[in-house]
Amino acid sequence: MIINLCFHGIGTIDHERESGESRYWVTEANFARILDDVRDRPQVRLSFDDGNRSDLTVALPALSERGLTASFFALAGRLGDPASLSPSDLRELRGAGMSIGSHGWTHAPWRGLDADQARRELVDARAFLAEASDGAIEDAALPLGRYDRRLLTRLRKAGYRTVFTSDRHPARSSEWLQARYSVTAQDSVESIRSILTHRAGAQDARNLLAGAVKRIR
């Protein structure tokens, strides 16, 4: 089993673009401590959502210093925003051995989209990010973690290799749908370590059940 840890912003957020966004920003010091604790844990995989500029200015140097790699899920509609990654930033991340994936166009939930919206979020955004980053986009991360059976069918038809959720339980490395734990401002080395080392319990069972319900509804 593997543990997927997902970060959003690193450092101090200047202003929230969405209500509650600051909850998912981790201080630089805490981020460094967490990386130091997971660097020798091969079962841990790292990813970053939303395409914040801190992915390049803070996360990339910290990862490179420790010999770690990660997947970065960018938003096509925010490329070039001063607080977000630019096309050249995406290419720099690729050049450093990182993977680039799609988080869609607008950070709107993908569940319940009509046909035109789905095309923009799942297809057009992917093509835009591929051109901007000068490489294929094979993986996707669900904005806000919301999904259902219809959306998963659309994602399979779109040909994504792997789709990442926010379901908070361990995953098998071979699974197409990969659950992740989002790291928040309240987390510490100790709380992340407890995720990595604890035995499966009632909360894991509830999270697995919740994911199963999403897949069939």
N, C-alpha and C. Protein backbone atom coordinates (compact mmCIF):
# COMPACT_ATOMS: atom_id res chain seq x y z
N MET A 1 0.84 -1.20 0.00
CA MET A 1 0.00 0.00 0.00
C MET A 1 0.88 1.25 0.00
N ILE A 2 0.36 2.30 -0.59
CA ILE A 2 1.08 3.57 -0.60
C ILE A 2 0.22 4.66 0.02
N ILE A 3 0.88 5.74 0.44
CA ILE A 3 0.21 6.90 1.00
C ILE A 3 0.49 8.08 0.06
N ASN A 4 -0.55 8.67 -0.48
CA ASN A 4 -0.43 9.86 -1.31
C ASN A 4 -0.69 11.09 -0.45
N LEU A 5 0.31 11.94 -0.33
CA LEU A 5 0.17 13.20 0.40
C LEU A 5 0.03 14.35 -0.60
N CYS A 6 -0.96 15.20 -0.40
CA CYS A 6 -1.21 16.30 -1.31
C CYS A 6 -1.06 17.64 -0.60
N PHE A 7 -0.22 18.50 -1.15
CA PHE A 7 -0.06 19.87 -0.67
C PHE A 7 -0.76 20.82 -1.63
N HIS A 8 -1.02 22.03 -1.15
CA HIS A 8 -1.64 23.05 -2.00
C HIS A 8 -0.72 24.27 -2.08
N GLY A 9 -0.69 25.09 -1.06
CA GLY A 9 0.22 26.23 -1.05
C GLY A 9 1.25 26.09 0.06
N ILE A 10 2.46 26.60 -0.19
CA ILE A 10 3.53 26.57 0.80
C ILE A 10 3.92 28.02 1.11
N GLY A 11 3.93 28.36 2.39
CA GLY A 11 4.29 29.71 2.80
C GLY A 11 3.08 30.43 3.36
N THR A 12 2.97 31.73 3.07
CA THR A 12 1.87 32.55 3.55
C THR A 12 1.03 33.01 2.37
N ILE A 13 -0.26 32.77 2.42
CA ILE A 13 -1.14 33.16 1.34
C ILE A 13 -1.43 34.66 1.42
N ASP A 14 -1.31 35.36 0.29
CA ASP A 14 -1.55 36.80 0.26
C ASP A 14 -3.04 37.12 0.34
N HIS A 15 -3.83 36.41 -0.44
CA HIS A 15 -5.28 36.60 -0.37
C HIS A 15 -5.95 35.32 -0.87
N GLU A 16 -7.09 35.02 -0.29
CA GLU A 16 -7.82 33.82 -0.67
C GLU A 16 -8.60 34.07 -1.97
N ARG A 17 -8.42 33.19 -2.93
CA ARG A 17 -9.23 33.26 -4.14
C ARG A 17 -10.53 32.49 -3.97
N GLU A 18 -10.54 31.61 -2.97
CA GLU A 18 -11.74 30.85 -2.63
C GLU A 18 -11.84 30.80 -1.11
N SER A 19 -13.04 30.82 -0.59
CA SER A 19 -13.24 30.79 0.86
C SER A 19 -12.62 29.53 1.46
N GLY A 20 -11.84 29.71 2.51
CA GLY A 20 -11.23 28.58 3.19
C GLY A 20 -9.91 28.10 2.60
N GLU A 21 -9.42 28.79 1.57
CA GLU A 21 -8.20 28.35 0.90
C GLU A 21 -7.00 28.34 1.84
N SER A 22 -6.94 29.31 2.76
CA SER A 22 -5.78 29.40 3.66
C SER A 22 -5.62 28.17 4.54
N ARG A 23 -6.68 27.42 4.72
CA ARG A 23 -6.61 26.19 5.53
C ARG A 23 -5.65 25.18 4.93
N TYR A 24 -5.40 25.29 3.63
CA TYR A 24 -4.57 24.31 2.93
C TYR A 24 -3.17 24.83 2.62
N TRP A 25 -2.79 25.93 3.25
CA TRP A 25 -1.43 26.44 3.09
C TRP A 25 -0.59 26.04 4.30
N VAL A 26 0.59 25.51 4.02
CA VAL A 26 1.51 25.00 5.04
C VAL A 26 2.72 25.93 5.12
N THR A 27 3.19 26.23 6.32
CA THR A 27 4.36 27.10 6.45
C THR A 27 5.59 26.43 5.84
N GLU A 28 6.54 27.23 5.41
CA GLU A 28 7.76 26.68 4.83
C GLU A 28 8.50 25.78 5.81
N ALA A 29 8.55 26.20 7.07
CA ALA A 29 9.27 25.41 8.07
C ALA A 29 8.60 24.06 8.28
N ASN A 30 7.29 24.05 8.36
CA ASN A 30 6.58 22.80 8.57
C ASN A 30 6.68 21.90 7.34
N PHE A 31 6.63 22.51 6.16
CA PHE A 31 6.79 21.75 4.92
C PHE A 31 8.15 21.06 4.90
N ALA A 32 9.20 21.77 5.27
CA ALA A 32 10.54 21.19 5.29
C ALA A 32 10.63 20.04 6.28
N ARG A 33 10.01 20.21 7.43
CA ARG A 33 10.05 19.13 8.43
C ARG A 33 9.32 17.88 7.93
N ILE A 34 8.19 18.09 7.27
CA ILE A 34 7.44 16.94 6.75
C ILE A 34 8.25 16.23 5.66
N LEU A 35 8.87 16.99 4.77
CA LEU A 35 9.69 16.37 3.73
C LEU A 35 10.84 15.58 4.34
N ASP A 36 11.48 16.13 5.36
CA ASP A 36 12.58 15.42 6.01
C ASP A 36 12.11 14.10 6.60
N ASP A 37 10.86 14.08 7.08
CA ASP A 37 10.35 12.86 7.72
C ASP A 37 9.94 11.80 6.70
N VAL A 38 9.53 12.21 5.50
CA VAL A 38 9.05 11.24 4.52
C VAL A 38 10.10 10.88 3.47
N ARG A 39 11.23 11.55 3.48
CA ARG A 39 12.19 11.39 2.38
C ARG A 39 12.68 9.95 2.24
N ASP A 40 12.73 9.19 3.32
CA ASP A 40 13.20 7.82 3.25
C ASP A 40 12.07 6.81 3.38
N ARG A 41 10.86 7.24 3.06
CA ARG A 41 9.69 6.35 3.12
C ARG A 41 9.21 6.11 1.68
N PRO A 42 9.62 5.01 1.06
CA PRO A 42 9.28 4.77 -0.34
C PRO A 42 7.79 4.59 -0.59
N GLN A 43 7.00 4.35 0.46
CA GLN A 43 5.56 4.17 0.26
C GLN A 43 4.82 5.49 0.14
N VAL A 44 5.53 6.61 0.31
CA VAL A 44 4.90 7.93 0.25
C VAL A 44 5.11 8.56 -1.12
N ARG A 45 4.01 9.05 -1.70
CA ARG A 45 4.07 9.80 -2.96
C ARG A 45 3.53 11.19 -2.72
N LEU A 46 4.16 12.17 -3.33
CA LEU A 46 3.82 13.57 -3.08
C LEU A 46 3.18 14.21 -4.31
N SER A 47 2.22 15.09 -4.05
CA SER A 47 1.60 15.84 -5.15
C SER A 47 1.21 17.22 -4.65
N PHE A 48 0.97 18.11 -5.62
CA PHE A 48 0.63 19.51 -5.34
C PHE A 48 -0.52 19.91 -6.25
N ASP A 49 -1.57 20.46 -5.67
CA ASP A 49 -2.73 20.90 -6.43
C ASP A 49 -2.78 22.43 -6.54
N ASP A 50 -3.51 22.91 -7.53
CA ASP A 50 -3.91 24.32 -7.71
C ASP A 50 -2.90 25.16 -8.49
N GLY A 51 -1.66 24.70 -8.63
CA GLY A 51 -0.69 25.45 -9.44
C GLY A 51 -0.27 26.78 -8.85
N ASN A 52 -0.16 26.85 -7.52
CA ASN A 52 0.33 28.07 -6.89
C ASN A 52 1.82 28.27 -7.18
N ARG A 53 2.24 29.52 -7.24
CA ARG A 53 3.63 29.82 -7.59
C ARG A 53 4.61 29.25 -6.57
N SER A 54 4.15 29.04 -5.35
CA SER A 54 5.03 28.44 -4.34
C SER A 54 5.47 27.04 -4.73
N ASP A 55 4.76 26.41 -5.68
CA ASP A 55 5.21 25.11 -6.19
C ASP A 55 6.62 25.22 -6.76
N LEU A 56 6.88 26.35 -7.44
CA LEU A 56 8.19 26.54 -8.07
C LEU A 56 9.18 27.18 -7.11
N THR A 57 8.75 28.22 -6.40
CA THR A 57 9.69 29.00 -5.61
C THR A 57 10.08 28.34 -4.30
N VAL A 58 9.21 27.52 -3.74
CA VAL A 58 9.48 26.89 -2.44
C VAL A 58 9.58 25.37 -2.56
N ALA A 59 8.55 24.76 -3.16
CA ALA A 59 8.51 23.30 -3.18
C ALA A 59 9.62 22.69 -4.01
N LEU A 60 9.83 23.21 -5.22
CA LEU A 60 10.84 22.61 -6.09
C LEU A 60 12.24 22.60 -5.47
N PRO A 61 12.74 23.71 -4.94
CA PRO A 61 14.08 23.65 -4.31
C PRO A 61 14.14 22.67 -3.15
N ALA A 62 13.07 22.63 -2.34
CA ALA A 62 13.07 21.73 -1.19
C ALA A 62 13.06 20.28 -1.62
N LEU A 63 12.29 19.96 -2.65
CA LEU A 63 12.25 18.59 -3.17
C LEU A 63 13.59 18.20 -3.77
N SER A 64 14.15 19.08 -4.59
CA SER A 64 15.42 18.78 -5.26
C SER A 64 16.55 18.58 -4.26
N GLU A 65 16.55 19.38 -3.21
CA GLU A 65 17.58 19.26 -2.18
C GLU A 65 17.57 17.90 -1.52
N ARG A 66 16.38 17.29 -1.45
CA ARG A 66 16.24 16.00 -0.77
C ARG A 66 16.15 14.83 -1.74
N GLY A 67 16.30 15.09 -3.01
CA GLY A 67 16.23 14.02 -4.00
C GLY A 67 14.85 13.44 -4.18
N LEU A 68 13.82 14.25 -3.95
CA LEU A 68 12.44 13.80 -4.05
C LEU A 68 11.80 14.30 -5.33
N THR A 69 10.80 13.58 -5.80
CA THR A 69 10.01 14.03 -6.94
C THR A 69 8.54 14.11 -6.54
N ALA A 70 7.75 14.79 -7.35
CA ALA A 70 6.33 14.97 -7.04
C ALA A 70 5.57 15.21 -8.34
N SER A 71 4.25 15.12 -8.24
CA SER A 71 3.35 15.45 -9.34
C SER A 71 2.69 16.79 -9.04
N PHE A 72 2.63 17.67 -10.04
CA PHE A 72 2.06 19.00 -9.89
C PHE A 72 0.83 19.12 -10.79
N PHE A 73 -0.33 19.32 -10.16
CA PHE A 73 -1.59 19.40 -10.88
C PHE A 73 -1.99 20.86 -11.01
N ALA A 74 -1.82 21.39 -12.21
CA ALA A 74 -2.02 22.82 -12.45
C ALA A 74 -3.40 23.11 -13.01
N LEU A 75 -3.81 24.37 -12.88
CA LEU A 75 -5.07 24.85 -13.43
C LEU A 75 -4.79 25.64 -14.70
N ALA A 76 -5.36 25.21 -15.80
CA ALA A 76 -5.09 25.87 -17.08
C ALA A 76 -5.53 27.33 -17.06
N GLY A 77 -6.65 27.61 -16.40
CA GLY A 77 -7.18 28.96 -16.40
C GLY A 77 -6.42 29.94 -15.54
N ARG A 78 -5.48 29.46 -14.74
CA ARG A 78 -4.69 30.36 -13.89
C ARG A 78 -3.26 30.54 -14.38
N LEU A 79 -2.89 29.90 -15.46
CA LEU A 79 -1.52 30.05 -15.95
C LEU A 79 -1.25 31.52 -16.27
N GLY A 80 -0.17 32.04 -15.73
CA GLY A 80 0.17 33.42 -15.97
C GLY A 80 -0.37 34.38 -14.93
N ASP A 81 -1.33 33.94 -14.11
CA ASP A 81 -1.75 34.74 -12.96
C ASP A 81 -0.52 34.96 -12.08
N PRO A 82 -0.30 36.18 -11.56
CA PRO A 82 0.92 36.44 -10.78
C PRO A 82 1.12 35.50 -9.59
N ALA A 83 0.03 34.98 -9.03
CA ALA A 83 0.15 34.08 -7.88
C ALA A 83 0.24 32.62 -8.28
N SER A 84 0.23 32.37 -9.59
CA SER A 84 0.19 31.00 -10.08
C SER A 84 1.37 30.69 -10.99
N LEU A 85 1.49 29.42 -11.33
CA LEU A 85 2.54 29.00 -12.24
C LEU A 85 2.31 29.55 -13.64
N SER A 86 3.38 29.72 -14.37
CA SER A 86 3.33 30.14 -15.77
C SER A 86 3.74 28.96 -16.64
N PRO A 87 3.55 29.04 -17.96
CA PRO A 87 4.02 27.97 -18.82
C PRO A 87 5.51 27.66 -18.65
N SER A 88 6.34 28.68 -18.51
CA SER A 88 7.77 28.43 -18.33
C SER A 88 8.04 27.74 -17.00
N ASP A 89 7.23 28.04 -15.99
CA ASP A 89 7.37 27.36 -14.69
C ASP A 89 7.07 25.87 -14.83
N LEU A 90 6.03 25.55 -15.59
CA LEU A 90 5.70 24.14 -15.80
C LEU A 90 6.84 23.41 -16.50
N ARG A 91 7.44 24.08 -17.48
CA ARG A 91 8.56 23.45 -18.19
C ARG A 91 9.76 23.29 -17.27
N GLU A 92 9.97 24.24 -16.37
CA GLU A 92 11.07 24.10 -15.42
C GLU A 92 10.84 22.94 -14.47
N LEU A 93 9.60 22.77 -14.02
CA LEU A 93 9.28 21.63 -13.16
C LEU A 93 9.54 20.31 -13.89
N ARG A 94 9.11 20.23 -15.14
CA ARG A 94 9.36 19.02 -15.93
C ARG A 94 10.86 18.77 -16.06
N GLY A 95 11.61 19.83 -16.36
CA GLY A 95 13.04 19.68 -16.54
C GLY A 95 13.76 19.21 -15.30
N ALA A 96 13.13 19.45 -14.13
CA ALA A 96 13.71 19.01 -12.86
C ALA A 96 13.26 17.61 -12.48
N GLY A 97 12.54 16.94 -13.37
CA GLY A 97 12.12 15.57 -13.11
C GLY A 97 10.77 15.41 -12.47
N MET A 98 10.00 16.50 -12.41
CA MET A 98 8.67 16.45 -11.82
C MET A 98 7.63 16.11 -12.90
N SER A 99 6.47 15.62 -12.47
CA SER A 99 5.38 15.31 -13.38
C SER A 99 4.35 16.43 -13.34
N ILE A 100 3.73 16.68 -14.49
CA ILE A 100 2.67 17.69 -14.59
C ILE A 100 1.36 16.99 -14.92
N GLY A 101 0.31 17.33 -14.17
CA GLY A 101 -1.02 16.77 -14.42
C GLY A 101 -2.04 17.88 -14.50
N SER A 102 -3.28 17.51 -14.78
CA SER A 102 -4.36 18.48 -14.92
C SER A 102 -5.24 18.53 -13.69
N HIS A 103 -5.55 19.78 -13.28
CA HIS A 103 -6.52 20.03 -12.22
C HIS A 103 -7.74 20.75 -12.80
N GLY A 104 -7.78 20.76 -14.15
CA GLY A 104 -8.90 21.38 -14.83
C GLY A 104 -8.62 22.80 -15.26
N TRP A 105 -9.68 23.54 -15.54
CA TRP A 105 -9.55 24.91 -16.03
C TRP A 105 -9.83 25.94 -14.95
N THR A 106 -10.91 25.76 -14.20
CA THR A 106 -11.39 26.84 -13.31
C THR A 106 -11.42 26.49 -11.82
N HIS A 107 -11.00 25.30 -11.44
CA HIS A 107 -11.13 24.80 -10.07
C HIS A 107 -12.59 24.64 -9.65
N ALA A 108 -13.44 24.39 -10.61
CA ALA A 108 -14.83 24.05 -10.32
C ALA A 108 -14.94 22.54 -10.17
N PRO A 109 -15.82 22.05 -9.28
CA PRO A 109 -15.99 20.60 -9.16
C PRO A 109 -16.41 20.00 -10.49
N TRP A 110 -15.89 18.83 -10.81
CA TRP A 110 -16.19 18.19 -12.09
C TRP A 110 -17.47 17.37 -12.05
N ARG A 111 -17.97 17.10 -10.89
CA ARG A 111 -19.22 16.35 -10.79
C ARG A 111 -20.39 17.24 -11.24
N GLY A 112 -21.24 16.71 -12.11
CA GLY A 112 -22.43 17.44 -12.53
C GLY A 112 -22.22 18.39 -13.69
N LEU A 113 -21.08 18.35 -14.35
CA LEU A 113 -20.84 19.24 -15.49
C LEU A 113 -21.70 18.84 -16.69
N ASP A 114 -22.13 19.85 -17.46
CA ASP A 114 -22.79 19.50 -18.72
C ASP A 114 -21.71 19.16 -19.75
N ALA A 115 -22.12 18.81 -20.95
CA ALA A 115 -21.18 18.31 -21.95
C ALA A 115 -20.12 19.35 -22.32
N ASP A 116 -20.54 20.60 -22.50
CA ASP A 116 -19.59 21.66 -22.87
C ASP A 116 -18.61 21.94 -21.74
N GLN A 117 -19.11 21.99 -20.52
CA GLN A 117 -18.24 22.23 -19.37
C GLN A 117 -17.25 21.09 -19.19
N ALA A 118 -17.73 19.86 -19.37
CA ALA A 118 -16.85 18.70 -19.23
C ALA A 118 -15.75 18.73 -20.27
N ARG A 119 -16.08 19.13 -21.48
CA ARG A 119 -15.06 19.20 -22.53
C ARG A 119 -13.98 20.21 -22.16
N ARG A 120 -14.40 21.35 -21.62
CA ARG A 120 -13.42 22.37 -21.26
C ARG A 120 -12.53 21.91 -20.11
N GLU A 121 -13.13 21.31 -19.09
CA GLU A 121 -12.38 20.94 -17.89
C GLU A 121 -11.52 19.69 -18.10
N LEU A 122 -12.04 18.72 -18.82
CA LEU A 122 -11.35 17.44 -18.93
C LEU A 122 -10.50 17.30 -20.19
N VAL A 123 -10.89 17.99 -21.26
CA VAL A 123 -10.20 17.83 -22.54
C VAL A 123 -9.40 19.08 -22.91
N ASP A 124 -10.09 20.24 -22.95
CA ASP A 124 -9.39 21.46 -23.36
C ASP A 124 -8.29 21.85 -22.39
N ALA A 125 -8.57 21.75 -21.10
CA ALA A 125 -7.55 22.10 -20.10
C ALA A 125 -6.33 21.19 -20.23
N ARG A 126 -6.58 19.94 -20.48
CA ARG A 126 -5.48 18.98 -20.65
C ARG A 126 -4.61 19.36 -21.84
N ALA A 127 -5.25 19.68 -22.96
CA ALA A 127 -4.50 20.05 -24.16
C ALA A 127 -3.72 21.35 -23.94
N PHE A 128 -4.34 22.29 -23.26
CA PHE A 128 -3.69 23.57 -22.99
C PHE A 128 -2.46 23.38 -22.11
N LEU A 129 -2.59 22.57 -21.07
CA LEU A 129 -1.47 22.31 -20.17
C LEU A 129 -0.36 21.52 -20.86
N ALA A 130 -0.74 20.61 -21.75
CA ALA A 130 0.27 19.84 -22.49
C ALA A 130 1.12 20.77 -23.35
N GLU A 131 0.45 21.69 -24.05
CA GLU A 131 1.18 22.63 -24.89
C GLU A 131 2.04 23.56 -24.04
N ALA A 132 1.47 24.05 -22.93
CA ALA A 132 2.19 24.99 -22.08
C ALA A 132 3.41 24.35 -21.44
N SER A 133 3.30 23.08 -21.07
CA SER A 133 4.38 22.41 -20.35
C SER A 133 5.31 21.63 -21.26
N ASP A 134 4.96 21.57 -22.55
CA ASP A 134 5.77 20.88 -23.55
C ASP A 134 5.91 19.40 -23.21
N GLY A 135 4.76 18.78 -22.90
CA GLY A 135 4.78 17.35 -22.59
C GLY A 135 3.38 16.83 -22.41
N ALA A 136 3.24 15.51 -22.44
CA ALA A 136 1.93 14.89 -22.30
C ALA A 136 1.38 15.06 -20.89
N ILE A 137 0.06 15.18 -20.80
CA ILE A 137 -0.65 15.22 -19.51
C ILE A 137 -1.42 13.92 -19.40
N GLU A 138 -0.97 13.05 -18.52
CA GLU A 138 -1.57 11.72 -18.42
C GLU A 138 -2.42 11.51 -17.17
N ASP A 139 -2.24 12.36 -16.16
CA ASP A 139 -2.91 12.18 -14.88
C ASP A 139 -3.77 13.40 -14.55
N ALA A 140 -4.79 13.19 -13.73
CA ALA A 140 -5.68 14.27 -13.32
C ALA A 140 -5.94 14.18 -11.82
N ALA A 141 -6.18 15.34 -11.21
CA ALA A 141 -6.57 15.42 -9.80
C ALA A 141 -7.91 16.13 -9.73
N LEU A 142 -8.86 15.56 -9.00
CA LEU A 142 -10.23 16.08 -8.96
C LEU A 142 -10.30 17.36 -8.13
N PRO A 143 -10.76 18.46 -8.71
CA PRO A 143 -10.94 19.69 -7.92
C PRO A 143 -11.94 19.46 -6.79
N LEU A 144 -11.53 19.80 -5.57
CA LEU A 144 -12.36 19.65 -4.37
C LEU A 144 -12.72 18.21 -4.06
N GLY A 145 -12.15 17.27 -4.82
CA GLY A 145 -12.31 15.85 -4.52
C GLY A 145 -13.66 15.25 -4.84
N ARG A 146 -14.52 15.95 -5.55
CA ARG A 146 -15.89 15.47 -5.76
C ARG A 146 -16.00 14.66 -7.05
N TYR A 147 -16.70 13.53 -6.97
CA TYR A 147 -16.87 12.70 -8.16
C TYR A 147 -18.05 11.76 -7.99
N ASP A 148 -18.45 11.19 -9.09
CA ASP A 148 -19.48 10.15 -9.11
C ASP A 148 -19.21 9.22 -10.28
N ARG A 149 -20.08 8.25 -10.48
CA ARG A 149 -19.85 7.25 -11.52
C ARG A 149 -19.79 7.88 -12.90
N ARG A 150 -20.67 8.86 -13.17
CA ARG A 150 -20.69 9.49 -14.48
C ARG A 150 -19.37 10.19 -14.78
N LEU A 151 -18.85 10.90 -13.79
CA LEU A 151 -17.58 11.60 -14.00
C LEU A 151 -16.45 10.60 -14.23
N LEU A 152 -16.40 9.53 -13.46
CA LEU A 152 -15.34 8.55 -13.65
C LEU A 152 -15.40 7.94 -15.05
N THR A 153 -16.61 7.73 -15.56
CA THR A 153 -16.75 7.22 -16.93
C THR A 153 -16.18 8.22 -17.93
N ARG A 154 -16.46 9.49 -17.73
CA ARG A 154 -15.92 10.53 -18.62
C ARG A 154 -14.39 10.56 -18.57
N LEU A 155 -13.83 10.42 -17.40
CA LEU A 155 -12.39 10.46 -17.25
C LEU A 155 -11.73 9.24 -17.90
N ARG A 156 -12.36 8.09 -17.79
CA ARG A 156 -11.83 6.90 -18.47
C ARG A 156 -11.88 7.07 -19.98
N LYS A 157 -12.98 7.62 -20.48
CA LYS A 157 -13.10 7.84 -21.92
C LYS A 157 -12.09 8.86 -22.41
N ALA A 158 -11.76 9.82 -21.55
CA ALA A 158 -10.76 10.82 -21.92
C ALA A 158 -9.35 10.25 -21.95
N GLY A 159 -9.18 9.07 -21.36
CA GLY A 159 -7.90 8.38 -21.45
C GLY A 159 -6.88 8.73 -20.40
N TYR A 160 -7.32 9.25 -19.25
CA TYR A 160 -6.36 9.56 -18.19
C TYR A 160 -5.78 8.28 -17.61
N ARG A 161 -4.50 8.28 -17.39
CA ARG A 161 -3.80 7.11 -16.86
C ARG A 161 -4.15 6.86 -15.40
N THR A 162 -4.20 7.93 -14.61
CA THR A 162 -4.49 7.86 -13.18
C THR A 162 -5.30 9.08 -12.79
N VAL A 163 -6.24 8.88 -11.87
CA VAL A 163 -7.05 9.98 -11.34
C VAL A 163 -6.90 9.99 -9.83
N PHE A 164 -6.61 11.18 -9.28
CA PHE A 164 -6.36 11.33 -7.84
C PHE A 164 -7.54 12.02 -7.16
N THR A 165 -7.93 11.49 -6.00
CA THR A 165 -9.06 12.01 -5.23
C THR A 165 -8.55 12.64 -3.93
N SER A 166 -9.50 12.93 -3.04
CA SER A 166 -9.15 13.43 -1.70
C SER A 166 -9.80 12.53 -0.65
N ASP A 167 -9.80 11.23 -0.89
CA ASP A 167 -10.58 10.30 -0.08
C ASP A 167 -9.95 9.87 1.24
N ARG A 168 -8.70 10.23 1.49
CA ARG A 168 -8.05 10.03 2.79
C ARG A 168 -8.03 8.57 3.26
N HIS A 169 -7.43 7.74 2.43
CA HIS A 169 -7.11 6.38 2.86
C HIS A 169 -5.95 5.87 2.00
N PRO A 170 -5.25 4.84 2.42
CA PRO A 170 -4.14 4.31 1.62
C PRO A 170 -4.63 3.81 0.26
N ALA A 171 -3.71 3.65 -0.67
CA ALA A 171 -4.06 3.20 -2.02
C ALA A 171 -3.09 2.12 -2.46
N ARG A 172 -3.54 1.31 -3.39
CA ARG A 172 -2.64 0.36 -4.05
C ARG A 172 -1.99 1.07 -5.24
N SER A 173 -0.72 0.83 -5.45
CA SER A 173 0.01 1.56 -6.48
C SER A 173 -0.55 1.33 -7.88
N SER A 174 -1.22 0.20 -8.09
CA SER A 174 -1.74 -0.15 -9.41
C SER A 174 -3.13 0.41 -9.68
N GLU A 175 -3.77 1.01 -8.71
CA GLU A 175 -5.14 1.47 -8.87
C GLU A 175 -5.23 2.67 -9.80
N TRP A 176 -6.28 2.69 -10.63
CA TRP A 176 -6.52 3.84 -11.51
C TRP A 176 -6.98 5.04 -10.69
N LEU A 177 -7.82 4.81 -9.69
CA LEU A 177 -8.31 5.87 -8.83
C LEU A 177 -7.49 5.87 -7.53
N GLN A 178 -6.74 6.94 -7.31
CA GLN A 178 -5.80 7.00 -6.20
C GLN A 178 -6.30 7.96 -5.11
N ALA A 179 -6.53 7.44 -3.93
CA ALA A 179 -6.92 8.28 -2.79
C ALA A 179 -5.71 9.05 -2.27
N ARG A 180 -5.95 10.25 -1.74
CA ARG A 180 -4.87 11.07 -1.17
C ARG A 180 -5.30 11.67 0.16
N TYR A 181 -4.31 12.04 0.96
CA TYR A 181 -4.50 12.81 2.18
C TYR A 181 -4.04 14.24 1.90
N SER A 182 -4.92 15.22 2.04
CA SER A 182 -4.53 16.61 1.89
C SER A 182 -3.88 17.10 3.17
N VAL A 183 -2.70 17.69 3.05
CA VAL A 183 -2.00 18.26 4.20
C VAL A 183 -2.55 19.68 4.43
N THR A 184 -2.91 19.99 5.67
CA THR A 184 -3.49 21.28 6.00
C THR A 184 -2.58 22.08 6.91
N ALA A 185 -2.98 23.33 7.16
CA ALA A 185 -2.21 24.21 8.05
C ALA A 185 -2.13 23.67 9.46
N GLN A 186 -3.06 22.83 9.84
CA GLN A 186 -3.07 22.28 11.19
C GLN A 186 -2.18 21.05 11.35
N ASP A 187 -1.69 20.52 10.25
CA ASP A 187 -0.88 19.30 10.33
C ASP A 187 0.54 19.60 10.80
N SER A 188 1.15 18.58 11.35
CA SER A 188 2.53 18.65 11.83
C SER A 188 3.23 17.37 11.41
N VAL A 189 4.52 17.29 11.69
CA VAL A 189 5.24 16.05 11.42
C VAL A 189 4.57 14.89 12.14
N GLU A 190 4.14 15.13 13.37
CA GLU A 190 3.54 14.06 14.17
C GLU A 190 2.21 13.60 13.57
N SER A 191 1.38 14.52 13.12
CA SER A 191 0.09 14.11 12.56
C SER A 191 0.27 13.37 11.24
N ILE A 192 1.24 13.81 10.43
CA ILE A 192 1.51 13.10 9.18
C ILE A 192 2.11 11.74 9.46
N ARG A 193 2.98 11.67 10.44
CA ARG A 193 3.58 10.38 10.80
C ARG A 193 2.51 9.40 11.26
N SER A 194 1.50 9.90 11.95
CA SER A 194 0.43 9.01 12.42
C SER A 194 -0.35 8.43 11.25
N ILE A 195 -0.49 9.20 10.17
CA ILE A 195 -1.13 8.69 8.97
C ILE A 195 -0.30 7.57 8.35
N LEU A 196 1.02 7.76 8.37
CA LEU A 196 1.91 6.81 7.71
C LEU A 196 2.07 5.51 8.48
N THR A 197 1.89 5.57 9.78
CA THR A 197 2.23 4.41 10.61
C THR A 197 1.05 3.72 11.28
N HIS A 198 -0.12 4.36 11.28
CA HIS A 198 -1.23 3.77 12.02
C HIS A 198 -1.80 2.56 11.30
N ARG A 199 -2.41 1.68 12.06
CA ARG A 199 -3.09 0.55 11.47
C ARG A 199 -4.48 0.98 11.02
N ALA A 200 -5.00 0.25 10.04
CA ALA A 200 -6.34 0.57 9.53
C ALA A 200 -7.35 0.50 10.66
N GLY A 201 -8.24 1.50 10.70
CA GLY A 201 -9.24 1.55 11.76
C GLY A 201 -10.58 1.97 11.22
N ALA A 202 -11.44 2.42 12.15
CA ALA A 202 -12.81 2.76 11.79
C ALA A 202 -12.87 3.91 10.80
N GLN A 203 -11.99 4.91 10.97
CA GLN A 203 -12.02 6.05 10.06
C GLN A 203 -11.65 5.63 8.64
N ASP A 204 -10.66 4.75 8.51
CA ASP A 204 -10.30 4.24 7.19
C ASP A 204 -11.48 3.52 6.55
N ALA A 205 -12.18 2.74 7.36
CA ALA A 205 -13.33 2.00 6.83
C ALA A 205 -14.41 2.96 6.35
N ARG A 206 -14.64 4.03 7.12
CA ARG A 206 -15.64 5.02 6.70
C ARG A 206 -15.23 5.72 5.41
N ASN A 207 -13.94 6.05 5.30
CA ASN A 207 -13.47 6.72 4.09
C ASN A 207 -13.55 5.81 2.87
N LEU A 208 -13.22 4.53 3.06
CA LEU A 208 -13.33 3.57 1.96
C LEU A 208 -14.78 3.41 1.53
N LEU A 209 -15.68 3.37 2.50
CA LEU A 209 -17.11 3.24 2.19
C LEU A 209 -17.61 4.47 1.45
N ALA A 210 -17.18 5.65 1.89
CA ALA A 210 -17.60 6.88 1.23
C ALA A 210 -17.14 6.89 -0.23
N GLY A 211 -15.92 6.42 -0.48
CA GLY A 211 -15.42 6.36 -1.85
C GLY A 211 -16.21 5.37 -2.69
N ALA A 212 -16.57 4.24 -2.09
CA ALA A 212 -17.35 3.24 -2.82
C ALA A 212 -18.72 3.80 -3.20
N VAL A 213 -19.32 4.57 -2.31
CA VAL A 213 -20.61 5.19 -2.59
C VAL A 213 -20.49 6.17 -3.76
N LYS A 214 -19.42 6.96 -3.77
CA LYS A 214 -19.21 7.92 -4.86
C LYS A 214 -19.09 7.21 -6.21
N ARG A 215 -18.42 6.06 -6.21
CA ARG A 215 -18.16 5.37 -7.48
C ARG A 215 -19.43 4.77 -8.09
N ILE A 216 -20.45 4.52 -7.27
CA ILE A 216 -21.65 3.86 -7.80
C ILE A 216 -22.85 4.78 -7.90
N ARG A 217 -22.78 5.97 -7.32
CA ARG A 217 -23.98 6.82 -7.32
C ARG A 217 -24.19 7.49 -8.68
